[in-house]
Amino acid sequence: MFTKFKRKSLLLLLAVSVIGFNACKKNNSNTEEPAEKNYGLLVSAGTPAASYILNTSNLAGGTLTTAGNGAETSTSIITQKGEYFYGVNANGNLVKFTSSNKTTTVISQVQFNQISWAYYSSFFAWKDDNTLVLFSINQALQFEYATLNVSTMTITASGNISIPKPLTGYYYWGNNAVFLGNKLYISYNVVQDGTNIPLNEIRLASMDFPNVSNVTITTDNRFNQPAHYNLNSPGTFVYNDYAYMLNAPTIWIAGETGGSFSIYRVASGATTVDANYQYEITDRTKEEVSGLFNVGNGKAIVKVIDKSQIASFQDYDKRISSFYIIDVVNKTKTKINIPLSIARPYSNDILIDGDVAYIAASTADGYYVYNYTISTNTVTRGAKLEGVNGVNQLVKYK
């Protein structure tokens, strides 16, 4: 019908990043679960690629490998909190499960047909530790939501969001969702069917929650592509009564649009993007920016990618990516001392744990989890990853 089908095929390259695990065991499993399971890595490995969850007590050193570890599945992981992963299995059910280095254990599952969940057009936001809100755009035309109580694994509310469908010849694509105060904000863009080029504007829908009512929609023409695919990489965070969002028109998503790689923000209770704020992170003609990993105090880690090396999505397999810490209040950025790595713009492979950011990076020296101390801006090389094609999620259990 339109670009969503083209992009759906491209996203099959990303699909492994949300594959989880069911209750099965590899025959050659010979590695014991760590005495204390603190961290988990969802990785892809092998040819053809399969997915594994590796658990470890620390990421400061040693070697992690899929040899004898993990279990394969077709369940697609959406998110994780505490001990639990949440995903959609092959039967279309929402599943809550835990994982060890040998098996996974399904805690609960529930039928999930309330919205048109699709990997390429769906996203999520946590309202609180007990409330996971799932979103989709049916046929890229109609926004939908479903509220999940993760304790009882019940859908407590669902339906269409009162965002009018686009005019004929257009569809919705980019999206960011965030809760701030008593409001839910969804930032999205409008794309022209046929050319598949986004309009030079973003839209902001603000609404009351939990009743998802009183929807107000406004437009800002300084931006064109809210950070997309947040099943894989965060694009927003909240600090001091503002929701900060990333505009990221990567070539992967939209081709060359000339749009900026900028931070924009919304004040608590507002219905419009702050007209007096924009932080353009880098030269849009030379570099791209992906991911917005909140480290606290108005700062976040981003991936900065050499745009001169990119002609198509295949070029993101090159070692052309650097890491920076940005300050969205003072509008500054500082490079993190990690060698150039393979650009994985849509991987949730950075974990913030107190004053340390764990950053998985495939460099010329190998695949490592680098340990970045935020307060001192220092880096040490941590756990080595052997036999791993990519890290798709890096999580903390405790």
Protein backbone atom coordinates (compact mmCIF):
# COMPACT_ATOMS: atom_id res chain seq x y z
CA MET A 1 0.00 0.00 0.00
CA PHE A 2 2.72 2.45 0.96
CA THR A 3 6.06 2.82 2.71
CA LYS A 4 5.09 0.81 5.75
CA PHE A 5 5.40 -2.35 3.66
CA LYS A 6 8.77 -1.29 2.31
CA ARG A 7 9.90 -0.42 5.81
CA LYS A 8 8.45 -3.64 7.16
CA SER A 9 10.89 -5.58 4.98
CA LEU A 10 13.78 -3.42 6.17
CA LEU A 11 12.73 -4.00 9.74
CA LEU A 12 13.10 -7.73 9.35
CA LEU A 13 16.80 -6.93 9.70
CA LEU A 14 15.98 -5.53 13.12
CA ALA A 15 13.47 -8.16 14.14
CA VAL A 16 16.02 -10.31 15.93
CA SER A 17 16.43 -7.47 18.41
CA VAL A 18 13.12 -8.23 20.05
CA ILE A 19 13.30 -12.02 20.06
CA GLY A 20 13.04 -13.51 23.53
CA PHE A 21 12.95 -16.98 25.00
CA ASN A 22 10.46 -19.67 25.88
CA ALA A 23 10.76 -22.61 28.22
CA CYS A 24 13.27 -24.74 26.37
CA LYS A 25 16.88 -25.80 26.85
CA LYS A 26 19.83 -26.22 24.50
CA ASN A 27 21.16 -29.76 24.44
CA ASN A 28 24.74 -28.64 24.98
CA SER A 29 23.98 -26.33 27.90
CA ASN A 30 26.82 -26.63 30.41
CA THR A 31 27.08 -23.19 31.95
CA GLU A 32 25.66 -22.55 35.39
CA GLU A 33 23.51 -19.57 36.22
CA PRO A 34 25.66 -16.88 37.93
CA ALA A 35 25.41 -16.93 41.72
CA GLU A 36 23.78 -13.51 41.56
CA LYS A 37 21.96 -12.55 38.37
CA ASN A 38 22.32 -8.77 38.08
CA TYR A 39 22.39 -8.10 34.35
CA GLY A 40 21.01 -9.60 31.17
CA LEU A 41 22.01 -9.24 27.53
CA LEU A 42 19.69 -10.12 24.68
CA VAL A 43 22.09 -11.02 21.88
CA SER A 44 22.00 -12.47 18.40
CA ALA A 45 24.54 -15.11 17.47
CA GLY A 46 25.22 -17.77 14.85
CA THR A 47 24.36 -18.19 11.18
CA PRO A 48 21.48 -18.00 10.63
CA ALA A 49 21.14 -15.72 13.63
CA ALA A 50 19.36 -16.91 16.73
CA SER A 51 18.75 -15.01 19.95
CA TYR A 52 19.91 -15.68 23.48
CA ILE A 53 19.64 -14.05 26.89
CA LEU A 54 22.92 -14.12 28.74
CA ASN A 55 22.90 -13.44 32.48
CA THR A 56 25.87 -12.24 34.50
CA SER A 57 26.70 -10.93 37.95
CA ASN A 58 28.83 -8.09 36.57
CA LEU A 59 29.86 -6.39 33.34
CA ALA A 60 33.25 -5.13 34.49
CA GLY A 61 35.28 -7.97 33.00
CA GLY A 62 35.45 -11.59 31.98
CA THR A 63 33.98 -13.20 28.89
CA LEU A 64 30.36 -13.82 27.96
CA THR A 65 29.48 -16.33 25.26
CA THR A 66 26.43 -18.12 23.91
CA ALA A 67 28.31 -21.45 23.92
CA GLY A 68 26.16 -23.65 26.12
CA ASN A 69 23.92 -20.77 27.11
CA GLY A 70 20.47 -19.50 26.24
CA ALA A 71 17.45 -20.83 24.46
CA GLU A 72 15.85 -19.98 21.12
CA THR A 73 12.30 -18.73 20.66
CA SER A 74 10.00 -16.77 18.38
CA THR A 75 8.67 -14.57 21.19
CA SER A 76 9.30 -10.87 20.47
CA ILE A 77 10.46 -8.92 23.50
CA ILE A 78 8.83 -5.53 23.96
CA THR A 79 10.43 -4.41 27.20
CA GLN A 80 11.81 -5.53 30.56
CA LYS A 81 11.45 -4.35 34.14
CA GLY A 82 12.96 -5.99 37.20
CA GLU A 83 13.10 -9.76 36.87
CA TYR A 84 10.55 -9.90 34.07
CA PHE A 85 10.51 -9.64 30.30
CA TYR A 86 7.33 -8.80 28.39
CA GLY A 87 6.74 -9.79 24.79
CA VAL A 88 4.42 -11.22 22.16
CA ASN A 89 4.68 -14.91 21.30
CA ALA A 90 3.92 -16.76 18.07
CA ASN A 91 0.26 -17.14 19.08
CA GLY A 92 -0.11 -13.39 19.48
CA ASN A 93 -0.33 -13.55 23.27
CA LEU A 94 1.31 -11.11 25.64
CA VAL A 95 3.80 -13.07 27.72
CA LYS A 96 5.52 -12.30 31.03
CA PHE A 97 8.58 -14.46 31.68
CA THR A 98 11.91 -14.77 33.42
CA SER A 99 15.15 -16.17 32.03
CA SER A 100 18.20 -18.04 33.28
CA ASN A 101 21.26 -19.04 31.30
CA LYS A 102 19.55 -22.35 30.53
CA THR A 103 15.80 -21.92 30.43
CA THR A 104 13.03 -19.38 30.57
CA THR A 105 9.92 -19.62 32.70
CA VAL A 106 6.60 -18.22 31.55
CA ILE A 107 4.90 -16.51 34.50
CA SER A 108 1.70 -15.53 32.73
CA GLN A 109 0.23 -14.83 29.32
CA VAL A 110 -2.90 -13.14 28.04
CA GLN A 111 -4.63 -12.92 24.67
CA PHE A 112 -3.61 -9.77 22.84
CA ASN A 113 -5.98 -8.76 20.05
CA GLN A 114 -7.15 -5.42 21.36
CA ILE A 115 -4.90 -3.45 19.01
CA SER A 116 -3.20 -4.18 15.68
CA TRP A 117 0.23 -4.87 17.15
CA ALA A 118 2.91 -4.89 14.45
CA TYR A 119 6.64 -4.64 14.97
CA TYR A 120 7.17 -1.87 12.42
CA SER A 121 4.38 0.41 13.69
CA SER A 122 4.13 -0.27 17.43
CA PHE A 123 5.66 1.36 20.48
CA PHE A 124 5.24 1.57 24.25
CA ALA A 125 5.64 3.70 27.37
CA TRP A 126 5.69 2.84 31.07
CA LYS A 127 3.26 4.92 33.12
CA ASP A 128 4.63 3.43 36.33
CA ASP A 129 6.19 0.16 37.47
CA ASN A 130 2.83 -1.58 37.27
CA THR A 131 1.38 0.00 34.11
CA LEU A 132 2.69 -0.67 30.62
CA VAL A 133 0.89 1.14 27.80
CA LEU A 134 1.18 -0.36 24.33
CA PHE A 135 0.54 1.63 21.16
CA SER A 136 0.16 0.90 17.48
CA ILE A 137 -0.85 2.71 14.29
CA ASN A 138 -3.36 0.54 12.45
CA GLN A 139 -2.53 0.63 8.73
CA ALA A 140 -0.36 3.69 9.61
CA LEU A 141 -3.63 5.64 9.83
CA GLN A 142 -5.26 5.10 13.24
CA PHE A 143 -3.51 5.38 16.61
CA GLU A 144 -4.53 2.71 19.13
CA TYR A 145 -3.62 1.90 22.72
CA ALA A 146 -3.89 -0.93 25.26
CA THR A 147 -3.10 -0.55 28.97
CA LEU A 148 -1.55 -3.59 30.63
CA ASN A 149 -1.46 -4.20 34.38
CA VAL A 150 1.78 -6.18 34.54
CA SER A 151 1.08 -7.54 38.03
CA THR A 152 -2.17 -9.23 37.04
CA MET A 153 -1.36 -9.44 33.31
CA THR A 154 -4.72 -8.00 32.37
CA ILE A 155 -5.62 -5.43 29.73
CA THR A 156 -7.47 -2.79 31.74
CA ALA A 157 -8.32 -0.43 28.88
CA SER A 158 -7.93 -0.27 25.10
CA GLY A 159 -9.25 1.47 22.01
CA ASN A 160 -8.62 4.10 19.37
CA ILE A 161 -6.98 7.40 20.26
CA SER A 162 -8.91 10.42 19.00
CA ILE A 163 -6.20 11.56 16.60
CA PRO A 164 -7.93 12.10 13.25
CA LYS A 165 -6.73 9.97 10.37
CA PRO A 166 -4.45 11.77 7.90
CA LEU A 167 -5.73 13.18 4.63
CA THR A 168 -5.89 10.82 1.69
CA GLY A 169 -2.43 10.36 0.22
CA TYR A 170 -0.65 10.61 3.59
CA TYR A 171 0.10 8.33 6.53
CA TYR A 172 1.60 8.48 10.03
CA TRP A 173 5.04 7.10 10.84
CA GLY A 174 7.51 8.48 13.39
CA ASN A 175 6.39 8.35 16.97
CA ASN A 176 7.50 9.08 20.52
CA ALA A 177 5.34 8.55 23.60
CA VAL A 178 5.98 9.85 27.10
CA PHE A 179 4.05 10.45 30.31
CA LEU A 180 4.51 13.77 32.10
CA GLY A 181 2.29 14.85 34.98
CA ASN A 182 -1.25 13.70 34.26
CA LYS A 183 -0.71 13.90 30.50
CA LEU A 184 0.25 11.41 27.84
CA TYR A 185 2.15 12.96 24.93
CA ILE A 186 2.57 11.34 21.51
CA SER A 187 4.83 13.06 18.99
CA TYR A 188 4.55 11.84 15.40
CA ASN A 189 4.97 12.89 11.78
CA VAL A 190 3.04 12.79 8.53
CA VAL A 191 4.50 11.13 5.43
CA GLN A 192 3.46 11.57 1.83
CA ASP A 193 2.31 8.36 0.19
CA GLY A 194 4.14 7.63 -3.05
CA THR A 195 7.24 9.71 -2.30
CA ASN A 196 7.56 8.36 1.26
CA ILE A 197 8.98 11.69 2.33
CA PRO A 198 7.85 13.20 5.64
CA LEU A 199 6.36 16.66 5.72
CA ASN A 200 8.54 19.34 7.28
CA GLU A 201 6.62 19.24 10.53
CA ILE A 202 5.90 17.14 13.57
CA ARG A 203 2.65 16.89 15.45
CA LEU A 204 2.15 16.69 19.18
CA ALA A 205 -0.93 15.01 20.61
CA SER A 206 -1.51 15.67 24.30
CA MET A 207 -4.25 13.91 26.24
CA ASP A 208 -5.45 13.05 29.70
CA PHE A 209 -4.56 9.67 31.14
CA PRO A 210 -5.80 7.07 32.04
CA ASN A 211 -9.02 7.89 30.18
CA VAL A 212 -7.10 8.91 27.00
CA SER A 213 -9.44 11.84 26.39
CA ASN A 214 -9.33 15.59 25.86
CA VAL A 215 -6.91 15.18 22.93
CA THR A 216 -5.23 18.33 21.64
CA ILE A 217 -3.06 18.32 18.50
CA THR A 218 -0.52 21.00 17.58
CA THR A 219 2.16 21.31 14.88
CA ASP A 220 5.80 22.45 14.86
CA ASN A 221 7.63 22.93 11.56
CA ARG A 222 11.17 23.01 12.96
CA PHE A 223 11.31 19.21 13.09
CA ASN A 224 10.27 16.34 10.83
CA GLN A 225 11.02 12.91 12.34
CA PRO A 226 10.45 11.96 15.98
CA ALA A 227 12.86 9.18 16.94
CA HIS A 228 11.21 6.00 15.75
CA TYR A 229 11.38 2.27 16.54
CA ASN A 230 11.36 2.76 20.31
CA LEU A 231 10.90 -0.99 20.68
CA ASN A 232 14.66 -0.89 20.09
CA SER A 233 16.03 2.45 21.20
CA PRO A 234 14.72 5.19 23.53
CA GLY A 235 13.91 8.60 22.12
CA THR A 236 12.64 10.59 25.09
CA PHE A 237 13.12 11.24 28.80
CA VAL A 238 11.70 13.49 31.52
CA TYR A 239 13.69 16.02 33.53
CA ASN A 240 12.57 18.95 35.71
CA ASP A 241 8.96 19.01 34.44
CA TYR A 242 9.94 18.80 30.78
CA ALA A 243 9.73 15.88 28.39
CA TYR A 244 12.75 15.96 26.07
CA MET A 245 12.39 14.26 22.68
CA LEU A 246 14.79 13.46 19.84
CA ASN A 247 14.19 14.41 16.22
CA ALA A 248 16.19 11.82 14.24
CA PRO A 249 15.59 11.65 10.46
CA THR A 250 18.14 8.92 9.79
CA ILE A 251 18.69 7.71 6.26
CA TRP A 252 17.64 4.28 7.52
CA ILE A 253 14.16 5.57 8.32
CA ALA A 254 13.44 8.26 5.80
CA GLY A 255 16.27 8.64 3.31
CA GLU A 256 17.84 12.08 3.10
CA THR A 257 15.31 14.69 4.22
CA GLY A 258 17.59 17.54 5.26
CA GLY A 259 16.04 17.48 8.70
CA SER A 260 17.95 18.30 11.87
CA PHE A 261 19.09 15.96 14.62
CA SER A 262 17.72 17.98 17.48
CA ILE A 263 16.25 17.81 20.93
CA TYR A 264 12.87 19.46 21.46
CA ARG A 265 10.80 19.59 24.61
CA VAL A 266 7.32 19.91 26.08
CA ALA A 267 6.57 21.47 29.47
CA SER A 268 4.37 19.65 31.95
CA GLY A 269 0.74 20.51 31.27
CA ALA A 270 1.52 22.20 27.93
CA THR A 271 -0.12 21.24 24.66
CA THR A 272 2.60 22.57 22.33
CA VAL A 273 6.31 22.00 21.79
CA ASP A 274 8.37 24.69 23.53
CA ALA A 275 8.78 27.35 20.83
CA ASN A 276 11.82 28.84 22.57
CA TYR A 277 13.86 25.66 22.81
CA GLN A 278 15.83 23.63 20.27
CA TYR A 279 19.16 21.89 20.71
CA GLU A 280 20.64 20.82 17.39
CA ILE A 281 23.14 18.20 18.48
CA THR A 282 25.33 17.97 15.38
CA ASP A 283 25.85 19.19 11.83
CA ARG A 284 22.95 17.58 9.97
CA THR A 285 24.95 17.42 6.72
CA LYS A 286 27.78 15.41 8.28
CA GLU A 287 26.41 13.28 11.11
CA GLU A 288 23.32 11.47 12.32
CA VAL A 289 22.18 10.95 15.90
CA SER A 290 20.28 7.98 17.29
CA GLY A 291 19.12 6.93 20.75
CA LEU A 292 18.52 9.02 23.84
CA PHE A 293 19.72 7.08 26.88
CA ASN A 294 18.87 9.05 30.01
CA VAL A 295 21.69 9.22 32.58
CA GLY A 296 19.97 11.74 34.87
CA ASN A 297 20.48 15.43 35.70
CA GLY A 298 19.40 16.52 32.23
CA LYS A 299 22.01 14.42 30.45
CA ALA A 300 21.80 11.52 28.02
CA ILE A 301 24.07 9.33 25.92
CA VAL A 302 23.56 9.39 22.15
CA LYS A 303 25.10 7.59 19.20
CA VAL A 304 26.64 9.91 16.61
CA ILE A 305 27.10 8.31 13.18
CA ASP A 306 29.29 9.48 10.30
CA LYS A 307 26.69 10.40 7.69
CA SER A 308 29.27 10.68 4.89
CA GLN A 309 29.63 6.88 5.02
CA ILE A 310 25.91 6.17 4.59
CA ALA A 311 24.13 5.67 1.30
CA SER A 312 21.61 3.04 2.41
CA PHE A 313 20.62 1.05 5.49
CA GLN A 314 23.30 -1.58 4.73
CA ASP A 315 26.01 0.98 5.50
CA TYR A 316 25.10 1.01 9.18
CA ASP A 317 27.08 -2.24 9.45
CA LYS A 318 30.26 -0.18 9.19
CA ARG A 319 32.30 1.04 12.17
CA ILE A 320 31.21 4.65 11.84
CA SER A 321 29.57 5.33 15.19
CA SER A 322 30.80 7.28 18.23
CA PHE A 323 29.22 7.89 21.64
CA TYR A 324 28.60 11.27 23.24
CA ILE A 325 27.05 12.48 26.45
CA ILE A 326 24.84 15.50 25.91
CA ASP A 327 23.46 18.08 28.34
CA VAL A 328 20.03 19.14 27.12
CA VAL A 329 19.83 22.10 29.52
CA ASN A 330 23.21 23.67 28.74
CA LYS A 331 23.20 22.35 25.14
CA THR A 332 26.66 20.80 25.28
CA LYS A 333 28.11 17.46 24.22
CA THR A 334 31.22 15.54 25.26
CA LYS A 335 32.72 12.63 23.35
CA ILE A 336 33.11 9.35 25.23
CA ASN A 337 36.49 7.68 24.72
CA ILE A 338 35.32 4.52 22.97
CA PRO A 339 36.74 3.49 19.56
CA LEU A 340 34.56 3.73 16.48
CA SER A 341 31.99 0.95 16.53
CA ILE A 342 29.46 -0.65 14.23
CA ALA A 343 26.52 1.71 13.97
CA ARG A 344 23.53 0.03 15.59
CA PRO A 345 21.07 2.93 15.60
CA TYR A 346 18.12 0.82 16.75
CA SER A 347 19.55 -1.28 19.55
CA ASN A 348 18.87 -0.80 23.24
CA ASP A 349 22.50 -1.64 24.03
CA ILE A 350 23.31 1.03 26.61
CA LEU A 351 22.41 0.53 30.27
CA ILE A 352 22.63 3.20 32.97
CA ASP A 353 23.30 1.84 36.48
CA GLY A 354 23.97 4.63 38.94
CA ASP A 355 27.16 6.45 37.99
CA VAL A 356 28.14 3.86 35.38
CA ALA A 357 26.89 3.51 31.82
CA TYR A 358 27.46 0.09 30.27
CA ILE A 359 27.91 0.52 26.52
CA ALA A 360 28.08 -2.50 24.22
CA ALA A 361 30.25 -1.70 21.22
CA SER A 362 31.71 -3.77 18.39
CA THR A 363 35.03 -2.07 17.63
CA ALA A 364 38.11 -3.11 15.70
CA ASP A 365 39.41 -4.58 18.98
CA GLY A 366 36.39 -6.86 19.39
CA TYR A 367 32.94 -6.78 20.98
CA TYR A 368 33.03 -5.42 24.53
CA VAL A 369 30.82 -3.85 27.15
CA TYR A 370 32.60 -0.60 27.92
CA ASN A 371 32.19 0.82 31.44
CA TYR A 372 31.78 4.59 31.35
CA THR A 373 31.91 6.44 34.68
CA ILE A 374 29.65 9.43 34.17
CA SER A 375 30.95 11.70 36.94
CA THR A 376 34.59 11.47 35.83
CA ASN A 377 34.09 10.95 32.08
CA THR A 378 36.39 7.92 32.15
CA VAL A 379 36.12 4.60 30.32
CA THR A 380 37.37 1.09 30.99
CA ARG A 381 36.88 -1.93 28.77
CA GLY A 382 34.65 -4.47 30.50
CA ALA A 383 33.17 -7.84 29.63
CA LYS A 384 34.18 -9.36 26.30
CA LEU A 385 31.42 -10.82 24.11
CA GLU A 386 32.49 -13.88 22.13
CA GLY A 387 30.54 -15.32 19.22
CA VAL A 388 28.01 -12.49 19.35
CA ASN A 389 26.68 -10.75 16.24
CA GLY A 390 24.89 -7.98 18.10
CA VAL A 391 23.56 -6.84 21.46
CA ASN A 392 19.92 -5.92 21.12
CA GLN A 393 19.06 -5.19 24.73
CA LEU A 394 21.14 -4.66 27.84
CA VAL A 395 19.11 -4.81 31.06
CA LYS A 396 19.44 -4.76 34.84
CA TYR A 397 17.42 -7.15 36.97
CA LYS A 398 18.16 -5.74 40.43
